[in-house]
PDB file of all heavy atoms in Angstrom:
ATOM      1  N   LYS A   1      67.844 117.562  86.265  1.00  0.00           N
ATOM      2  CA  LYS A   1      68.688 116.968  87.455  1.00  0.00           C
ATOM      3  C   LYS A   1      69.325 115.627  87.024  1.00  0.00           C
ATOM      4  O   LYS A   1      70.367 115.276  87.489  1.00  0.00           O
ATOM      5  CB  LYS A   1      67.813 116.762  88.605  1.00  0.00           C
ATOM      6  CG  LYS A   1      67.492 118.127  89.358  1.00  0.00           C
ATOM      7  CD  LYS A   1      66.707 117.911  90.585  1.00  0.00           C
ATOM      8  CE  LYS A   1      65.309 117.214  90.307  1.00  0.00           C
ATOM      9  NZ  LYS A   1      64.224 117.676  91.301  1.00  0.00           N
ATOM     10  N   GLU A   2      68.618 114.953  86.169  1.00  0.00           N
ATOM     11  CA  GLU A   2      69.174 113.694  85.711  1.00  0.00           C
ATOM     12  C   GLU A   2      70.085 113.764  84.555  1.00  0.00           C
ATOM     13  O   GLU A   2      69.769 114.263  83.560  1.00  0.00           O
ATOM     14  CB  GLU A   2      67.963 112.772  85.252  1.00  0.00           C
ATOM     15  CG  GLU A   2      68.297 111.454  84.820  1.00  0.00           C
ATOM     16  CD  GLU A   2      67.211 110.635  84.365  1.00  0.00           C
ATOM     17  OE1 GLU A   2      65.989 111.045  84.527  1.00  0.00           O
ATOM     18  OE2 GLU A   2      67.364 109.695  83.436  1.00  0.00           O
ATOM     19  N   VAL A   3      71.492 113.300  84.850  1.00  0.00           N
ATOM     20  CA  VAL A   3      72.453 113.357  83.705  1.00  0.00           C
ATOM     21  C   VAL A   3      72.679 111.917  83.460  1.00  0.00           C
ATOM     22  O   VAL A   3      73.231 111.162  84.256  1.00  0.00           O
ATOM     23  CB  VAL A   3      73.649 114.131  84.112  1.00  0.00           C
ATOM     24  CG1 VAL A   3      74.672 113.972  83.063  1.00  0.00           C
ATOM     25  CG2 VAL A   3      73.393 115.562  84.316  1.00  0.00           C
ATOM     26  N   ASN A   4      72.305 111.573  82.253  1.00  0.00           N
ATOM     27  CA  ASN A   4      72.526 110.163  81.859  1.00  0.00           C
ATOM     28  C   ASN A   4      73.701 110.053  80.940  1.00  0.00           C
ATOM     29  O   ASN A   4      73.571 110.519  79.753  1.00  0.00           O
ATOM     30  CB  ASN A   4      71.284 109.575  81.223  1.00  0.00           C
ATOM     31  CG  ASN A   4      71.352 108.157  80.814  1.00  0.00           C
ATOM     32  OD1 ASN A   4      72.473 107.629  80.582  1.00  0.00           O
ATOM     33  ND2 ASN A   4      70.211 107.598  80.726  1.00  0.00           N
ATOM     34  N   PHE A   5      74.796 109.474  81.305  1.00  0.00           N
ATOM     35  CA  PHE A   5      76.034 109.501  80.474  1.00  0.00           C
ATOM     36  C   PHE A   5      75.834 108.605  79.232  1.00  0.00           C
ATOM     37  O   PHE A   5      76.448 108.901  78.217  1.00  0.00           O
ATOM     38  CB  PHE A   5      77.156 109.062  81.256  1.00  0.00           C
ATOM     39  CG  PHE A   5      77.605 110.051  82.381  1.00  0.00           C
ATOM     40  CD1 PHE A   5      77.318 109.864  83.721  1.00  0.00           C
ATOM     41  CD2 PHE A   5      78.206 111.239  82.017  1.00  0.00           C
ATOM     42  CE1 PHE A   5      77.621 110.697  84.721  1.00  0.00           C
ATOM     43  CE2 PHE A   5      78.513 112.221  83.030  1.00  0.00           C
ATOM     44  CZ  PHE A   5      78.153 111.969  84.340  1.00  0.00           C
ATOM     45  N   LEU A   6      74.963 107.555  79.355  1.00  0.00           N
ATOM     46  CA  LEU A   6      74.788 106.707  78.274  1.00  0.00           C
ATOM     47  C   LEU A   6      73.992 107.449  77.206  1.00  0.00           C
ATOM     48  O   LEU A   6      74.128 107.154  76.020  1.00  0.00           O
ATOM     49  CB  LEU A   6      73.986 105.422  78.593  1.00  0.00           C
ATOM     50  CG  LEU A   6      74.899 104.325  79.123  1.00  0.00           C
ATOM     51  CD1 LEU A   6      74.159 103.281  79.891  1.00  0.00           C
ATOM     52  CD2 LEU A   6      75.734 103.632  78.060  1.00  0.00           C
ATOM     53  N   ARG A   7      73.276 108.491  77.607  1.00  0.00           N
ATOM     54  CA  ARG A   7      72.421 109.321  76.790  1.00  0.00           C
ATOM     55  C   ARG A   7      73.341 110.244  76.041  1.00  0.00           C
ATOM     56  O   ARG A   7      73.264 110.481  74.737  1.00  0.00           O
ATOM     57  CB  ARG A   7      71.414 110.097  77.484  1.00  0.00           C
ATOM     58  CG  ARG A   7      70.440 110.910  76.502  1.00  0.00           C
ATOM     59  CD  ARG A   7      69.523 111.709  77.212  1.00  0.00           C
ATOM     60  NE  ARG A   7      70.027 113.104  77.571  1.00  0.00           N
ATOM     61  CZ  ARG A   7      70.464 113.353  78.820  1.00  0.00           C
ATOM     62  NH1 ARG A   7      70.288 112.554  79.842  1.00  0.00           N
ATOM     63  NH2 ARG A   7      70.833 114.651  79.096  1.00  0.00           N
ATOM     64  N   ARG A   8      74.314 110.880  76.721  1.00  0.00           N
ATOM     65  CA  ARG A   8      75.159 111.842  76.140  1.00  0.00           C
ATOM     66  C   ARG A   8      76.292 111.318  75.410  1.00  0.00           C
ATOM     67  O   ARG A   8      76.703 111.858  74.417  1.00  0.00           O
ATOM     68  CB  ARG A   8      75.748 112.633  77.435  1.00  0.00           C
ATOM     69  CG  ARG A   8      76.087 114.103  77.069  1.00  0.00           C
ATOM     70  CD  ARG A   8      76.509 114.800  78.343  1.00  0.00           C
ATOM     71  NE  ARG A   8      77.659 114.149  78.982  1.00  0.00           N
ATOM     72  CZ  ARG A   8      78.081 114.530  80.089  1.00  0.00           C
ATOM     73  NH1 ARG A   8      77.392 115.458  80.852  1.00  0.00           N
ATOM     74  NH2 ARG A   8      79.119 113.920  80.799  1.00  0.00           N
ATOM     75  N   ASP A   9      76.800 110.188  75.829  1.00  0.00           N
ATOM     76  CA  ASP A   9      78.086 109.624  75.168  1.00  0.00           C
ATOM     77  C   ASP A   9      77.814 108.549  74.187  1.00  0.00           C
ATOM     78  O   ASP A   9      78.631 108.254  73.387  1.00  0.00           O
ATOM     79  CB  ASP A   9      78.963 109.136  76.186  1.00  0.00           C
ATOM     80  CG  ASP A   9      79.361 110.281  77.190  1.00  0.00           C
ATOM     81  OD1 ASP A   9      79.252 111.443  76.943  1.00  0.00           O
ATOM     82  OD2 ASP A   9      79.721 109.873  78.319  1.00  0.00           O
ATOM     83  N   SER A  10      76.628 107.925  74.247  1.00  0.00           N
ATOM     84  CA  SER A  10      76.496 106.720  73.378  1.00  0.00           C
ATOM     85  C   SER A  10      75.896 107.208  72.084  1.00  0.00           C
ATOM     86  O   SER A  10      75.150 108.274  71.928  1.00  0.00           O
ATOM     87  CB  SER A  10      75.603 105.622  73.907  1.00  0.00           C
ATOM     88  OG  SER A  10      74.210 106.084  73.814  1.00  0.00           O
ATOM     89  N   GLU A  11      76.149 106.530  70.979  1.00  0.00           N
ATOM     90  CA  GLU A  11      75.675 106.822  69.650  1.00  0.00           C
ATOM     91  C   GLU A  11      74.129 106.785  69.705  1.00  0.00           C
ATOM     92  O   GLU A  11      73.453 107.704  69.131  1.00  0.00           O
ATOM     93  CB  GLU A  11      76.137 105.794  68.628  1.00  0.00           C
ATOM     94  CG  GLU A  11      75.892 106.179  67.185  1.00  0.00           C
ATOM     95  CD  GLU A  11      76.238 104.975  66.252  1.00  0.00           C
ATOM     96  OE1 GLU A  11      77.033 104.109  66.567  1.00  0.00           O
ATOM     97  OE2 GLU A  11      75.622 104.989  65.139  1.00  0.00           O
ATOM     98  N   ALA A  12      73.584 105.782  70.273  1.00  0.00           N
ATOM     99  CA  ALA A  12      72.128 105.571  70.285  1.00  0.00           C
ATOM    100  C   ALA A  12      71.485 106.867  71.083  1.00  0.00           C
ATOM    101  O   ALA A  12      70.556 107.391  70.584  1.00  0.00           O
ATOM    102  CB  ALA A  12      71.710 104.292  71.017  1.00  0.00           C
ATOM    103  N   GLY A  13      71.981 107.264  72.223  1.00  0.00           N
ATOM    104  CA  GLY A  13      71.643 108.300  73.032  1.00  0.00           C
ATOM    105  C   GLY A  13      71.699 109.574  72.173  1.00  0.00           C
ATOM    106  O   GLY A  13      70.729 110.336  72.256  1.00  0.00           O
ATOM    107  N   GLN A  14      72.803 109.911  71.434  1.00  0.00           N
ATOM    108  CA  GLN A  14      72.856 111.145  70.747  1.00  0.00           C
ATOM    109  C   GLN A  14      71.871 111.103  69.538  1.00  0.00           C
ATOM    110  O   GLN A  14      71.253 112.102  69.324  1.00  0.00           O
ATOM    111  CB  GLN A  14      74.266 111.280  70.149  1.00  0.00           C
ATOM    112  CG  GLN A  14      75.250 111.616  71.233  1.00  0.00           C
ATOM    113  CD  GLN A  14      76.732 111.895  70.672  1.00  0.00           C
ATOM    114  OE1 GLN A  14      76.862 112.032  69.446  1.00  0.00           O
ATOM    115  NE2 GLN A  14      77.600 112.184  71.545  1.00  0.00           N
ATOM    116  N   LYS A  15      71.718 109.915  69.010  1.00  0.00           N
ATOM    117  CA  LYS A  15      70.706 109.895  67.868  1.00  0.00           C
ATOM    118  C   LYS A  15      69.295 110.064  68.364  1.00  0.00           C
ATOM    119  O   LYS A  15      68.471 110.530  67.556  1.00  0.00           O
ATOM    120  CB  LYS A  15      70.877 108.601  67.100  1.00  0.00           C
ATOM    121  CG  LYS A  15      72.153 108.639  66.194  1.00  0.00           C
ATOM    122  CD  LYS A  15      72.410 107.372  65.522  1.00  0.00           C
ATOM    123  CE  LYS A  15      73.609 107.500  64.556  1.00  0.00           C
ATOM    124  NZ  LYS A  15      73.886 106.188  63.884  1.00  0.00           N
ATOM    125  N   CYS A  16      68.954 109.597  69.634  1.00  0.00           N
ATOM    126  CA  CYS A  16      67.665 109.888  70.241  1.00  0.00           C
ATOM    127  C   CYS A  16      67.447 111.308  70.434  1.00  0.00           C
ATOM    128  O   CYS A  16      66.293 111.882  70.165  1.00  0.00           O
ATOM    129  CB  CYS A  16      67.478 109.110  71.429  1.00  0.00           C
ATOM    130  SG  CYS A  16      67.310 107.318  71.250  1.00  0.00           S
ATOM    131  N   CYS A  17      68.512 112.051  70.930  1.00  0.00           N
ATOM    132  CA  CYS A  17      68.375 113.430  71.082  1.00  0.00           C
ATOM    133  C   CYS A  17      68.163 114.187  69.784  1.00  0.00           C
ATOM    134  O   CYS A  17      67.305 115.151  69.747  1.00  0.00           O
ATOM    135  CB  CYS A  17      69.618 113.951  71.854  1.00  0.00           C
ATOM    136  SG  CYS A  17      69.757 113.464  73.566  1.00  0.00           S
ATOM    137  N   THR A  18      68.800 113.689  68.742  1.00  0.00           N
ATOM    138  CA  THR A  18      68.657 114.337  67.491  1.00  0.00           C
ATOM    139  C   THR A  18      67.190 114.060  66.932  1.00  0.00           C
ATOM    140  O   THR A  18      66.566 114.947  66.354  1.00  0.00           O
ATOM    141  CB  THR A  18      69.663 113.725  66.545  1.00  0.00           C
ATOM    142  OG1 THR A  18      70.977 114.154  66.988  1.00  0.00           O
ATOM    143  CG2 THR A  18      69.516 114.287  65.046  1.00  0.00           C
ATOM    144  N   PHE A  19      66.713 112.854  67.235  1.00  0.00           N
ATOM    145  CA  PHE A  19      65.349 112.381  66.843  1.00  0.00           C
ATOM    146  C   PHE A  19      64.360 113.351  67.501  1.00  0.00           C
ATOM    147  O   PHE A  19      63.451 113.921  66.874  1.00  0.00           O
ATOM    148  CB  PHE A  19      65.142 110.987  67.161  1.00  0.00           C
ATOM    149  CG  PHE A  19      63.619 110.625  66.942  1.00  0.00           C
ATOM    150  CD1 PHE A  19      62.922 110.791  65.795  1.00  0.00           C
ATOM    151  CD2 PHE A  19      62.920 110.071  67.960  1.00  0.00           C
ATOM    152  CE1 PHE A  19      61.666 110.398  65.521  1.00  0.00           C
ATOM    153  CE2 PHE A  19      61.623 109.561  67.748  1.00  0.00           C
ATOM    154  CZ  PHE A  19      60.954 109.875  66.581  1.00  0.00           C
ATOM    155  N   GLN A  20      64.623 113.648  68.721  1.00  0.00           N
ATOM    156  CA  GLN A  20      63.765 114.572  69.367  1.00  0.00           C
ATOM    157  C   GLN A  20      63.684 115.953  68.849  1.00  0.00           C
ATOM    158  O   GLN A  20      62.682 116.655  68.545  1.00  0.00           O
ATOM    159  CB  GLN A  20      64.097 114.791  70.845  1.00  0.00           C
ATOM    160  CG  GLN A  20      63.826 113.427  71.761  1.00  0.00           C
ATOM    161  CD  GLN A  20      64.012 113.832  73.281  1.00  0.00           C
ATOM    162  OE1 GLN A  20      65.206 113.983  73.630  1.00  0.00           O
ATOM    163  NE2 GLN A  20      62.959 113.821  74.043  1.00  0.00           N
ATOM    164  N   HIS A  21      64.901 116.503  68.467  1.00  0.00           N
ATOM    165  CA  HIS A  21      65.135 117.750  67.861  1.00  0.00           C
ATOM    166  C   HIS A  21      64.455 117.859  66.516  1.00  0.00           C
ATOM    167  O   HIS A  21      63.801 118.770  66.126  1.00  0.00           O
ATOM    168  CB  HIS A  21      66.611 118.079  67.744  1.00  0.00           C
ATOM    169  CG  HIS A  21      66.951 119.456  67.383  1.00  0.00           C
ATOM    170  ND1 HIS A  21      68.207 120.067  67.331  1.00  0.00           N
ATOM    171  CD2 HIS A  21      66.113 120.533  66.874  1.00  0.00           C
ATOM    172  CE1 HIS A  21      68.207 121.234  66.882  1.00  0.00           C
ATOM    173  NE2 HIS A  21      66.941 121.488  66.613  1.00  0.00           N
ATOM    174  N   TRP A  22      64.619 116.761  65.700  1.00  0.00           N
ATOM    175  CA  TRP A  22      64.087 116.628  64.342  1.00  0.00           C
ATOM    176  C   TRP A  22      62.491 116.728  64.433  1.00  0.00           C
ATOM    177  O   TRP A  22      61.876 117.505  63.781  1.00  0.00           O
ATOM    178  CB  TRP A  22      64.491 115.398  63.788  1.00  0.00           C
ATOM    179  CG  TRP A  22      63.989 115.133  62.384  1.00  0.00           C
ATOM    180  CD1 TRP A  22      64.560 115.606  61.186  1.00  0.00           C
ATOM    181  CD2 TRP A  22      62.860 114.297  62.011  1.00  0.00           C
ATOM    182  NE1 TRP A  22      63.847 115.171  60.156  1.00  0.00           N
ATOM    183  CE2 TRP A  22      62.702 114.390  60.574  1.00  0.00           C
ATOM    184  CE3 TRP A  22      61.840 113.710  62.702  1.00  0.00           C
ATOM    185  CZ2 TRP A  22      61.762 113.817  59.847  1.00  0.00           C
ATOM    186  CZ3 TRP A  22      60.764 113.106  61.979  1.00  0.00           C
ATOM    187  CH2 TRP A  22      60.725 113.144  60.629  1.00  0.00           C
ATOM    188  N   VAL A  23      61.917 115.943  65.339  1.00  0.00           N
ATOM    189  CA  VAL A  23      60.442 115.939  65.517  1.00  0.00           C
ATOM    190  C   VAL A  23      59.943 117.297  65.934  1.00  0.00           C
ATOM    191  O   VAL A  23      58.936 117.925  65.491  1.00  0.00           O
ATOM    192  CB  VAL A  23      59.913 114.993  66.559  1.00  0.00           C
ATOM    193  CG1 VAL A  23      58.459 115.109  66.851  1.00  0.00           C
ATOM    194  CG2 VAL A  23      60.156 113.499  65.890  1.00  0.00           C
ATOM    195  N   TYR A  24      60.731 117.985  66.875  1.00  0.00           N
ATOM    196  CA  TYR A  24      60.339 119.309  67.425  1.00  0.00           C
ATOM    197  C   TYR A  24      60.351 120.354  66.345  1.00  0.00           C
ATOM    198  O   TYR A  24      59.371 121.128  66.186  1.00  0.00           O
ATOM    199  CB  TYR A  24      61.459 119.672  68.502  1.00  0.00           C
ATOM    200  CG  TYR A  24      61.278 121.049  69.095  1.00  0.00           C
ATOM    201  CD1 TYR A  24      60.327 121.281  70.070  1.00  0.00           C
ATOM    202  CD2 TYR A  24      61.942 122.147  68.480  1.00  0.00           C
ATOM    203  CE1 TYR A  24      60.318 122.625  70.539  1.00  0.00           C
ATOM    204  CE2 TYR A  24      61.769 123.442  68.976  1.00  0.00           C
ATOM    205  CZ  TYR A  24      60.945 123.624  70.055  1.00  0.00           C
ATOM    206  OH  TYR A  24      60.818 125.040  70.455  1.00  0.00           O
TER     207      TYR A  24
END
């Protein structure tokens, strides 16, 4: 339900999502 635009649009946010994927 939570859509965080800073997560989706910021470089740090995208790299955090990639970090999660990498660890997974």
